[in-house]
Amino acid sequence: MGGKSKGKRSGTRYKFSQGFRKHGECTANKYLEKINYGDYVDIVCDSSQQKGMPFNFYHGRTGKVFHITKRGVGVLVNKRVRHRIIQKKVCVRIEHVRKSRCNEDFILRKKKNQEIIKEAKLKNEHVSVKRKTEGPKPAAMIKVPPSKLITVEPLPFYEEY
């Protein structure tokens, strides 16, 4: 009576399975995607390619590219171990990586801010590009017929002992 094996891919029956009509090798677009140092990438294991597959903990994690080789990338991923967060270095093949959209809105905001600053410089104005919190909604009057008005009062207190 041995027990259950605890191999590298144990418990990944559904995690690594491909979607309906998504089986087979990955397309050429995956290899042509340009990845640079410092880019955020999502680690998504492709079970059709066993080489360079990360451990199943890293499936679905987002990290930063710190190293690029011919066939793979090195990704820095944060991992919580008990009370601390450790930066783990994971070497992953290109097939198991896709560009992340986690900072897409930040990049757009950065570009808009640069345009705003450029226009302000032409007009010799000082402009603040800091984000401002949305204030409270403006006051509004609600029209209710007097017959539908109800006075809300708390229930009277009764001692029960």
N, C-alpha and C. Protein backbone atom coordinates (compact mmCIF):
# COMPACT_ATOMS: atom_id res chain seq x y z
N MET A 1 0.84 -1.19 0.00
CA MET A 1 0.00 0.00 0.00
C MET A 1 0.88 1.24 0.00
N GLY A 2 1.11 1.75 -1.16
CA GLY A 2 2.00 2.89 -1.28
C GLY A 2 1.30 4.21 -1.03
N GLY A 3 0.28 4.48 -1.81
CA GLY A 3 -0.40 5.77 -1.71
C GLY A 3 -0.35 6.48 -3.05
N LYS A 4 -0.79 7.70 -3.04
CA LYS A 4 -0.87 8.47 -4.28
C LYS A 4 0.50 9.03 -4.64
N SER A 5 0.86 8.95 -5.93
CA SER A 5 2.13 9.52 -6.36
C SER A 5 2.03 11.04 -6.37
N LYS A 6 3.14 11.70 -6.11
CA LYS A 6 3.17 13.16 -6.05
C LYS A 6 4.17 13.70 -7.06
N GLY A 7 3.96 13.34 -8.33
CA GLY A 7 4.86 13.79 -9.38
C GLY A 7 4.66 15.27 -9.69
N LYS A 8 5.47 15.78 -10.62
CA LYS A 8 5.41 17.21 -10.97
C LYS A 8 4.07 17.61 -11.54
N ARG A 9 3.42 16.68 -12.26
CA ARG A 9 2.15 17.02 -12.91
C ARG A 9 0.95 16.39 -12.21
N SER A 10 1.11 15.96 -10.98
CA SER A 10 -0.02 15.34 -10.28
C SER A 10 -1.06 16.41 -9.95
N GLY A 11 -2.32 16.07 -10.12
CA GLY A 11 -3.42 17.00 -9.81
C GLY A 11 -3.62 18.08 -10.85
N THR A 12 -3.15 17.84 -12.08
CA THR A 12 -3.27 18.88 -13.11
C THR A 12 -4.19 18.45 -14.25
N ARG A 13 -5.06 17.48 -13.99
CA ARG A 13 -5.92 16.94 -15.05
C ARG A 13 -6.74 18.04 -15.73
N TYR A 14 -7.31 18.94 -14.95
CA TYR A 14 -8.15 20.00 -15.50
C TYR A 14 -7.37 21.29 -15.71
N LYS A 15 -6.36 21.50 -14.90
CA LYS A 15 -5.57 22.73 -14.99
C LYS A 15 -4.84 22.84 -16.33
N PHE A 16 -4.25 21.73 -16.79
CA PHE A 16 -3.47 21.75 -18.02
C PHE A 16 -4.25 21.32 -19.25
N SER A 17 -5.54 21.01 -19.10
CA SER A 17 -6.31 20.55 -20.26
C SER A 17 -6.64 21.71 -21.18
N GLN A 18 -6.66 21.44 -22.47
CA GLN A 18 -6.97 22.47 -23.46
C GLN A 18 -8.48 22.64 -23.57
N GLY A 19 -8.90 23.80 -24.01
CA GLY A 19 -10.32 24.08 -24.20
C GLY A 19 -10.90 23.32 -25.37
N PHE A 20 -12.21 23.36 -25.49
CA PHE A 20 -12.90 22.66 -26.57
C PHE A 20 -12.46 23.24 -27.91
N ARG A 21 -12.04 22.37 -28.83
CA ARG A 21 -11.55 22.73 -30.17
C ARG A 21 -10.30 23.62 -30.11
N LYS A 22 -9.54 23.50 -29.06
CA LYS A 22 -8.29 24.27 -28.92
C LYS A 22 -7.08 23.34 -28.79
N HIS A 23 -7.25 22.05 -29.13
CA HIS A 23 -6.17 21.08 -28.98
C HIS A 23 -5.15 21.23 -30.11
N GLY A 24 -4.00 20.61 -29.92
CA GLY A 24 -2.96 20.61 -30.95
C GLY A 24 -1.88 21.65 -30.68
N GLU A 25 -0.95 21.73 -31.60
CA GLU A 25 0.19 22.63 -31.44
C GLU A 25 -0.24 24.09 -31.53
N CYS A 26 0.57 24.95 -30.91
CA CYS A 26 0.26 26.38 -30.94
C CYS A 26 0.63 26.97 -32.30
N THR A 27 0.04 28.11 -32.60
CA THR A 27 0.23 28.75 -33.91
C THR A 27 1.56 29.51 -33.97
N ALA A 28 1.91 29.96 -35.16
CA ALA A 28 3.18 30.67 -35.36
C ALA A 28 3.19 32.03 -34.66
N ASN A 29 2.00 32.60 -34.43
CA ASN A 29 1.93 33.92 -33.77
C ASN A 29 2.63 33.89 -32.41
N LYS A 30 2.55 32.76 -31.74
CA LYS A 30 3.14 32.62 -30.41
C LYS A 30 4.65 32.84 -30.47
N TYR A 31 5.29 32.36 -31.53
CA TYR A 31 6.75 32.48 -31.66
C TYR A 31 7.15 33.86 -32.18
N LEU A 32 6.24 34.53 -32.88
CA LEU A 32 6.55 35.84 -33.46
C LEU A 32 6.26 36.99 -32.51
N GLU A 33 5.61 36.71 -31.38
CA GLU A 33 5.28 37.75 -30.41
C GLU A 33 6.57 38.31 -29.81
N LYS A 34 6.70 39.63 -29.81
CA LYS A 34 7.92 40.27 -29.34
C LYS A 34 7.83 40.50 -27.83
N ILE A 35 8.82 39.99 -27.11
CA ILE A 35 8.87 40.15 -25.66
C ILE A 35 10.18 40.83 -25.30
N ASN A 36 10.11 41.88 -24.50
CA ASN A 36 11.30 42.63 -24.10
C ASN A 36 11.56 42.47 -22.61
N TYR A 37 12.76 42.89 -22.19
CA TYR A 37 13.08 42.90 -20.77
C TYR A 37 12.13 43.85 -20.05
N GLY A 38 11.67 43.46 -18.88
CA GLY A 38 10.79 44.32 -18.09
C GLY A 38 9.32 44.22 -18.44
N ASP A 39 8.99 43.47 -19.49
CA ASP A 39 7.57 43.28 -19.86
C ASP A 39 6.88 42.38 -18.84
N TYR A 40 5.60 42.64 -18.62
CA TYR A 40 4.80 41.76 -17.79
C TYR A 40 4.24 40.65 -18.66
N VAL A 41 4.37 39.40 -18.21
CA VAL A 41 3.87 38.26 -18.96
C VAL A 41 3.04 37.36 -18.04
N ASP A 42 2.04 36.71 -18.64
CA ASP A 42 1.24 35.71 -17.93
C ASP A 42 1.80 34.34 -18.26
N ILE A 43 2.02 33.53 -17.24
CA ILE A 43 2.48 32.16 -17.47
C ILE A 43 1.24 31.29 -17.59
N VAL A 44 1.00 30.77 -18.79
CA VAL A 44 -0.14 29.89 -19.05
C VAL A 44 0.40 28.65 -19.73
N CYS A 45 0.38 27.52 -19.02
CA CYS A 45 0.97 26.29 -19.53
C CYS A 45 0.20 25.75 -20.72
N ASP A 46 0.95 25.40 -21.76
CA ASP A 46 0.37 24.78 -22.96
C ASP A 46 0.74 23.30 -22.91
N SER A 47 -0.23 22.45 -22.63
CA SER A 47 0.05 21.03 -22.40
C SER A 47 0.49 20.29 -23.66
N SER A 48 0.31 20.90 -24.84
CA SER A 48 0.77 20.24 -26.07
C SER A 48 2.29 20.32 -26.21
N GLN A 49 2.92 21.19 -25.45
CA GLN A 49 4.38 21.34 -25.47
C GLN A 49 4.90 21.04 -24.07
N GLN A 50 5.55 19.87 -23.90
CA GLN A 50 6.02 19.48 -22.56
C GLN A 50 7.35 20.14 -22.20
N LYS A 51 8.14 20.50 -23.20
CA LYS A 51 9.44 21.11 -22.92
C LYS A 51 9.25 22.50 -22.32
N GLY A 52 10.07 22.82 -21.35
CA GLY A 52 10.08 24.16 -20.78
C GLY A 52 8.81 24.53 -20.05
N MET A 53 8.04 23.53 -19.62
CA MET A 53 6.79 23.80 -18.90
C MET A 53 7.10 24.07 -17.43
N PRO A 54 6.57 25.16 -16.87
CA PRO A 54 6.84 25.45 -15.47
C PRO A 54 6.03 24.53 -14.54
N PHE A 55 6.36 24.54 -13.28
CA PHE A 55 5.61 23.79 -12.28
C PHE A 55 4.20 24.36 -12.20
N ASN A 56 3.22 23.52 -11.88
CA ASN A 56 1.82 23.93 -11.99
C ASN A 56 1.42 25.09 -11.08
N PHE A 57 2.20 25.38 -10.04
CA PHE A 57 1.90 26.53 -9.18
C PHE A 57 1.92 27.83 -9.98
N TYR A 58 2.82 27.91 -10.96
CA TYR A 58 3.02 29.16 -11.71
C TYR A 58 2.02 29.35 -12.84
N HIS A 59 1.16 28.36 -13.09
CA HIS A 59 0.14 28.48 -14.15
C HIS A 59 -0.85 29.58 -13.76
N GLY A 60 -1.00 30.58 -14.63
CA GLY A 60 -1.92 31.69 -14.36
C GLY A 60 -1.29 32.84 -13.61
N ARG A 61 -0.01 32.76 -13.28
CA ARG A 61 0.66 33.83 -12.54
C ARG A 61 1.22 34.86 -13.51
N THR A 62 1.34 36.08 -13.03
CA THR A 62 1.91 37.17 -13.82
C THR A 62 3.26 37.54 -13.24
N GLY A 63 4.24 37.75 -14.11
CA GLY A 63 5.57 38.12 -13.66
C GLY A 63 6.25 39.04 -14.64
N LYS A 64 7.48 39.44 -14.29
CA LYS A 64 8.25 40.38 -15.10
C LYS A 64 9.42 39.65 -15.74
N VAL A 65 9.66 39.92 -17.02
CA VAL A 65 10.75 39.26 -17.75
C VAL A 65 12.08 39.86 -17.31
N PHE A 66 13.00 38.99 -16.86
CA PHE A 66 14.33 39.47 -16.47
C PHE A 66 15.44 38.87 -17.34
N HIS A 67 15.10 37.84 -18.13
CA HIS A 67 16.12 37.17 -18.94
C HIS A 67 15.47 36.62 -20.20
N ILE A 68 16.15 36.76 -21.35
CA ILE A 68 15.61 36.26 -22.61
C ILE A 68 16.67 35.38 -23.28
N THR A 69 16.25 34.19 -23.70
CA THR A 69 17.14 33.29 -24.44
C THR A 69 16.52 33.00 -25.80
N LYS A 70 17.14 32.08 -26.54
CA LYS A 70 16.68 31.77 -27.89
C LYS A 70 15.26 31.20 -27.88
N ARG A 71 14.98 30.31 -26.92
CA ARG A 71 13.70 29.60 -26.92
C ARG A 71 12.83 29.88 -25.70
N GLY A 72 13.31 30.66 -24.79
CA GLY A 72 12.53 30.87 -23.57
C GLY A 72 12.82 32.20 -22.92
N VAL A 73 12.15 32.42 -21.80
CA VAL A 73 12.34 33.65 -21.04
C VAL A 73 12.44 33.32 -19.55
N GLY A 74 13.13 34.17 -18.83
CA GLY A 74 13.18 34.07 -17.38
C GLY A 74 12.18 35.06 -16.81
N VAL A 75 11.34 34.59 -15.89
CA VAL A 75 10.27 35.43 -15.35
C VAL A 75 10.40 35.51 -13.83
N LEU A 76 10.29 36.72 -13.29
CA LEU A 76 10.26 36.92 -11.84
C LEU A 76 8.81 36.89 -11.38
N VAL A 77 8.50 35.95 -10.49
CA VAL A 77 7.12 35.78 -10.01
C VAL A 77 7.14 35.87 -8.49
N ASN A 78 6.18 36.59 -7.92
CA ASN A 78 6.06 36.66 -6.47
C ASN A 78 5.33 35.45 -5.94
N LYS A 79 5.89 34.82 -4.90
CA LYS A 79 5.28 33.64 -4.29
C LYS A 79 5.19 33.86 -2.79
N ARG A 80 4.00 33.65 -2.24
CA ARG A 80 3.81 33.80 -0.80
C ARG A 80 4.19 32.50 -0.12
N VAL A 81 5.18 32.59 0.78
CA VAL A 81 5.60 31.43 1.57
C VAL A 81 5.45 31.81 3.03
N ARG A 82 4.44 31.23 3.68
CA ARG A 82 4.06 31.54 5.05
C ARG A 82 3.84 33.04 5.24
N HIS A 83 4.74 33.73 5.92
CA HIS A 83 4.51 35.13 6.26
C HIS A 83 5.22 36.11 5.34
N ARG A 84 5.91 35.61 4.32
CA ARG A 84 6.67 36.53 3.47
C ARG A 84 6.41 36.25 1.99
N ILE A 85 6.78 37.22 1.15
CA ILE A 85 6.63 37.07 -0.29
C ILE A 85 8.03 36.99 -0.90
N ILE A 86 8.28 35.91 -1.61
CA ILE A 86 9.60 35.66 -2.21
C ILE A 86 9.51 35.86 -3.71
N GLN A 87 10.53 36.48 -4.30
CA GLN A 87 10.60 36.60 -5.76
C GLN A 87 11.27 35.36 -6.31
N LYS A 88 10.51 34.57 -7.08
CA LYS A 88 11.04 33.34 -7.65
C LYS A 88 11.42 33.59 -9.11
N LYS A 89 12.53 33.01 -9.53
CA LYS A 89 12.97 33.10 -10.92
C LYS A 89 12.57 31.80 -11.62
N VAL A 90 11.73 31.93 -12.64
CA VAL A 90 11.22 30.76 -13.35
C VAL A 90 11.66 30.86 -14.81
N CYS A 91 12.29 29.79 -15.30
CA CYS A 91 12.67 29.73 -16.71
C CYS A 91 11.57 29.01 -17.47
N VAL A 92 10.96 29.69 -18.42
CA VAL A 92 9.79 29.17 -19.12
C VAL A 92 10.02 29.28 -20.61
N ARG A 93 9.58 28.27 -21.34
CA ARG A 93 9.66 28.31 -22.79
C ARG A 93 8.58 29.24 -23.34
N ILE A 94 8.81 29.79 -24.52
CA ILE A 94 7.93 30.80 -25.14
C ILE A 94 6.48 30.32 -25.25
N GLU A 95 6.28 29.02 -25.49
CA GLU A 95 4.92 28.49 -25.69
C GLU A 95 4.04 28.66 -24.46
N HIS A 96 4.67 28.76 -23.28
CA HIS A 96 3.92 28.83 -22.03
C HIS A 96 3.80 30.26 -21.50
N VAL A 97 4.04 31.24 -22.37
CA VAL A 97 4.04 32.64 -21.94
C VAL A 97 3.21 33.47 -22.90
N ARG A 98 2.47 34.45 -22.38
CA ARG A 98 1.79 35.42 -23.25
C ARG A 98 1.90 36.80 -22.60
N LYS A 99 1.90 37.82 -23.45
CA LYS A 99 2.02 39.18 -22.93
C LYS A 99 0.82 39.51 -22.06
N SER A 100 1.08 40.12 -20.92
CA SER A 100 0.02 40.44 -19.97
C SER A 100 -0.60 41.80 -20.30
N ARG A 101 -1.87 41.93 -19.97
CA ARG A 101 -2.56 43.21 -20.18
C ARG A 101 -2.77 43.93 -18.85
N CYS A 102 -2.00 43.53 -17.82
CA CYS A 102 -2.23 44.05 -16.48
C CYS A 102 -1.92 45.54 -16.35
N ASN A 103 -0.99 46.06 -17.15
CA ASN A 103 -0.64 47.48 -17.04
C ASN A 103 -1.02 48.26 -18.29
N GLU A 104 -1.99 47.74 -19.04
CA GLU A 104 -2.43 48.38 -20.28
C GLU A 104 -2.99 49.78 -20.02
N ASP A 105 -3.85 49.91 -19.00
CA ASP A 105 -4.46 51.21 -18.69
C ASP A 105 -3.41 52.20 -18.19
N PHE A 106 -2.38 51.70 -17.49
CA PHE A 106 -1.30 52.56 -17.01
C PHE A 106 -0.53 53.15 -18.18
N ILE A 107 -0.23 52.33 -19.18
CA ILE A 107 0.51 52.79 -20.37
C ILE A 107 -0.31 53.81 -21.15
N LEU A 108 -1.62 53.57 -21.29
CA LEU A 108 -2.50 54.53 -21.97
C LEU A 108 -2.53 55.87 -21.23
N ARG A 109 -2.64 55.79 -19.90
CA ARG A 109 -2.69 57.01 -19.08
C ARG A 109 -1.38 57.78 -19.21
N LYS A 110 -0.27 57.05 -19.27
CA LYS A 110 1.04 57.67 -19.41
C LYS A 110 1.14 58.44 -20.73
N LYS A 111 0.66 57.82 -21.82
CA LYS A 111 0.69 58.47 -23.14
C LYS A 111 -0.19 59.71 -23.16
N LYS A 112 -1.39 59.62 -22.57
CA LYS A 112 -2.30 60.77 -22.52
C LYS A 112 -1.68 61.91 -21.73
N ASN A 113 -1.05 61.57 -20.61
CA ASN A 113 -0.41 62.59 -19.77
C ASN A 113 0.72 63.30 -20.53
N GLN A 114 1.48 62.54 -21.30
CA GLN A 114 2.57 63.14 -22.09
C GLN A 114 2.02 64.12 -23.13
N GLU A 115 0.90 63.75 -23.75
CA GLU A 115 0.26 64.65 -24.72
C GLU A 115 -0.25 65.92 -24.04
N ILE A 116 -0.87 65.77 -22.88
CA ILE A 116 -1.40 66.92 -22.13
C ILE A 116 -0.26 67.86 -21.75
N ILE A 117 0.86 67.30 -21.28
CA ILE A 117 2.02 68.11 -20.88
C ILE A 117 2.61 68.83 -22.09
N LYS A 118 2.65 68.14 -23.24
CA LYS A 118 3.19 68.73 -24.47
C LYS A 118 2.37 69.94 -24.90
N GLU A 119 1.03 69.77 -24.87
CA GLU A 119 0.13 70.88 -25.24
C GLU A 119 0.26 72.04 -24.27
N ALA A 120 0.40 71.74 -22.99
CA ALA A 120 0.53 72.79 -21.97
C ALA A 120 1.84 73.56 -22.15
N LYS A 121 2.90 72.87 -22.55
CA LYS A 121 4.19 73.54 -22.75
C LYS A 121 4.12 74.52 -23.91
N LEU A 122 3.37 74.14 -24.96
CA LEU A 122 3.21 75.04 -26.11
C LEU A 122 2.46 76.31 -25.71
N LYS A 123 1.51 76.18 -24.77
CA LYS A 123 0.72 77.33 -24.32
C LYS A 123 1.36 78.04 -23.13
N ASN A 124 2.53 77.57 -22.68
CA ASN A 124 3.22 78.10 -21.50
C ASN A 124 2.32 78.07 -20.26
N GLU A 125 1.67 76.95 -20.04
CA GLU A 125 0.80 76.78 -18.87
C GLU A 125 1.34 75.65 -18.00
N HIS A 126 0.98 75.72 -16.73
CA HIS A 126 1.31 74.62 -15.81
C HIS A 126 0.07 73.76 -15.64
N VAL A 127 0.22 72.46 -15.84
CA VAL A 127 -0.93 71.57 -15.73
C VAL A 127 -0.58 70.40 -14.81
N SER A 128 -1.54 70.01 -13.98
CA SER A 128 -1.34 68.87 -13.08
C SER A 128 -1.98 67.63 -13.71
N VAL A 129 -1.20 66.57 -13.81
CA VAL A 129 -1.71 65.33 -14.40
C VAL A 129 -2.01 64.28 -13.33
N LYS A 130 -2.03 64.71 -12.08
CA LYS A 130 -2.35 63.79 -11.00
C LYS A 130 -3.81 63.37 -11.08
N ARG A 131 -4.07 62.12 -10.75
CA ARG A 131 -5.45 61.65 -10.74
C ARG A 131 -6.16 62.21 -9.51
N LYS A 132 -7.38 62.64 -9.72
CA LYS A 132 -8.16 63.20 -8.62
C LYS A 132 -9.30 62.25 -8.28
N THR A 133 -9.55 62.10 -6.99
CA THR A 133 -10.64 61.23 -6.58
C THR A 133 -11.97 61.84 -6.97
N GLU A 134 -12.90 60.99 -7.32
CA GLU A 134 -14.22 61.46 -7.72
C GLU A 134 -14.97 61.92 -6.48
N GLY A 135 -15.43 63.15 -6.50
CA GLY A 135 -16.14 63.70 -5.35
C GLY A 135 -17.55 63.15 -5.22
N PRO A 136 -18.28 63.64 -4.22
CA PRO A 136 -19.66 63.16 -4.06
C PRO A 136 -20.55 63.66 -5.19
N LYS A 137 -21.64 62.95 -5.41
CA LYS A 137 -22.57 63.35 -6.47
C LYS A 137 -23.26 64.65 -6.07
N PRO A 138 -23.62 65.48 -7.06
CA PRO A 138 -24.29 66.74 -6.72
C PRO A 138 -25.68 66.49 -6.12
N ALA A 139 -26.15 67.46 -5.35
CA ALA A 139 -27.45 67.32 -4.69
C ALA A 139 -28.57 67.29 -5.72
N ALA A 140 -29.60 66.53 -5.42
CA ALA A 140 -30.75 66.43 -6.32
C ALA A 140 -32.03 66.38 -5.50
N MET A 141 -33.06 67.02 -6.01
CA MET A 141 -34.37 67.02 -5.34
C MET A 141 -35.21 65.88 -5.90
N ILE A 142 -35.84 65.14 -5.01
CA ILE A 142 -36.72 64.05 -5.42
C ILE A 142 -38.15 64.49 -5.16
N LYS A 143 -38.97 64.45 -6.19
CA LYS A 143 -40.37 64.86 -6.06
C LYS A 143 -41.23 63.65 -5.71
N VAL A 144 -41.85 63.70 -4.53
CA VAL A 144 -42.72 62.62 -4.06
C VAL A 144 -44.04 63.25 -3.62
N PRO A 145 -45.17 62.68 -4.02
CA PRO A 145 -46.45 63.24 -3.55
C PRO A 145 -46.58 63.07 -2.04
N PRO A 146 -47.22 64.06 -1.36
CA PRO A 146 -47.32 64.02 0.11
C PRO A 146 -48.04 62.77 0.64
N SER A 147 -48.90 62.18 -0.17
CA SER A 147 -49.62 60.99 0.30
C SER A 147 -48.69 59.78 0.47
N LYS A 148 -47.54 59.78 -0.21
CA LYS A 148 -46.64 58.64 -0.14
C LYS A 148 -45.50 58.84 0.87
N LEU A 149 -45.49 59.95 1.59
CA LEU A 149 -44.45 60.19 2.58
C LEU A 149 -44.72 59.36 3.83
N ILE A 150 -43.68 58.75 4.36
CA ILE A 150 -43.79 57.92 5.57
C ILE A 150 -42.77 58.43 6.58
N THR A 151 -43.19 58.57 7.83
CA THR A 151 -42.28 58.94 8.90
C THR A 151 -41.72 57.66 9.51
N VAL A 152 -40.42 57.55 9.50
CA VAL A 152 -39.77 56.35 10.03
C VAL A 152 -39.36 56.61 11.47
N GLU A 153 -39.82 55.75 12.39
CA GLU A 153 -39.49 55.88 13.81
C GLU A 153 -39.03 54.53 14.35
N PRO A 154 -38.17 54.56 15.36
CA PRO A 154 -37.77 53.28 15.96
C PRO A 154 -38.91 52.71 16.80
N LEU A 155 -38.90 51.40 16.99
CA LEU A 155 -39.93 50.75 17.82
C LEU A 155 -39.73 51.14 19.28
N PRO A 156 -40.83 51.24 20.05
CA PRO A 156 -40.68 51.59 21.47
C PRO A 156 -39.98 50.47 22.24
N PHE A 157 -39.24 50.86 23.27
CA PHE A 157 -38.49 49.90 24.07
C PHE A 157 -39.37 49.33 25.17
N TYR A 158 -39.40 48.01 25.31
CA TYR A 158 -40.16 47.34 26.37
C TYR A 158 -39.20 46.47 27.17
N GLU A 159 -39.28 46.58 28.50
CA GLU A 159 -38.49 45.70 29.35
C GLU A 159 -39.23 44.39 29.50
N GLU A 160 -38.53 43.28 29.39
CA GLU A 160 -39.19 41.98 29.42
C GLU A 160 -38.83 41.16 30.65
N TYR A 161 -38.40 41.78 31.74
CA TYR A 161 -38.12 41.01 32.95
C TYR A 161 -38.61 41.71 34.19
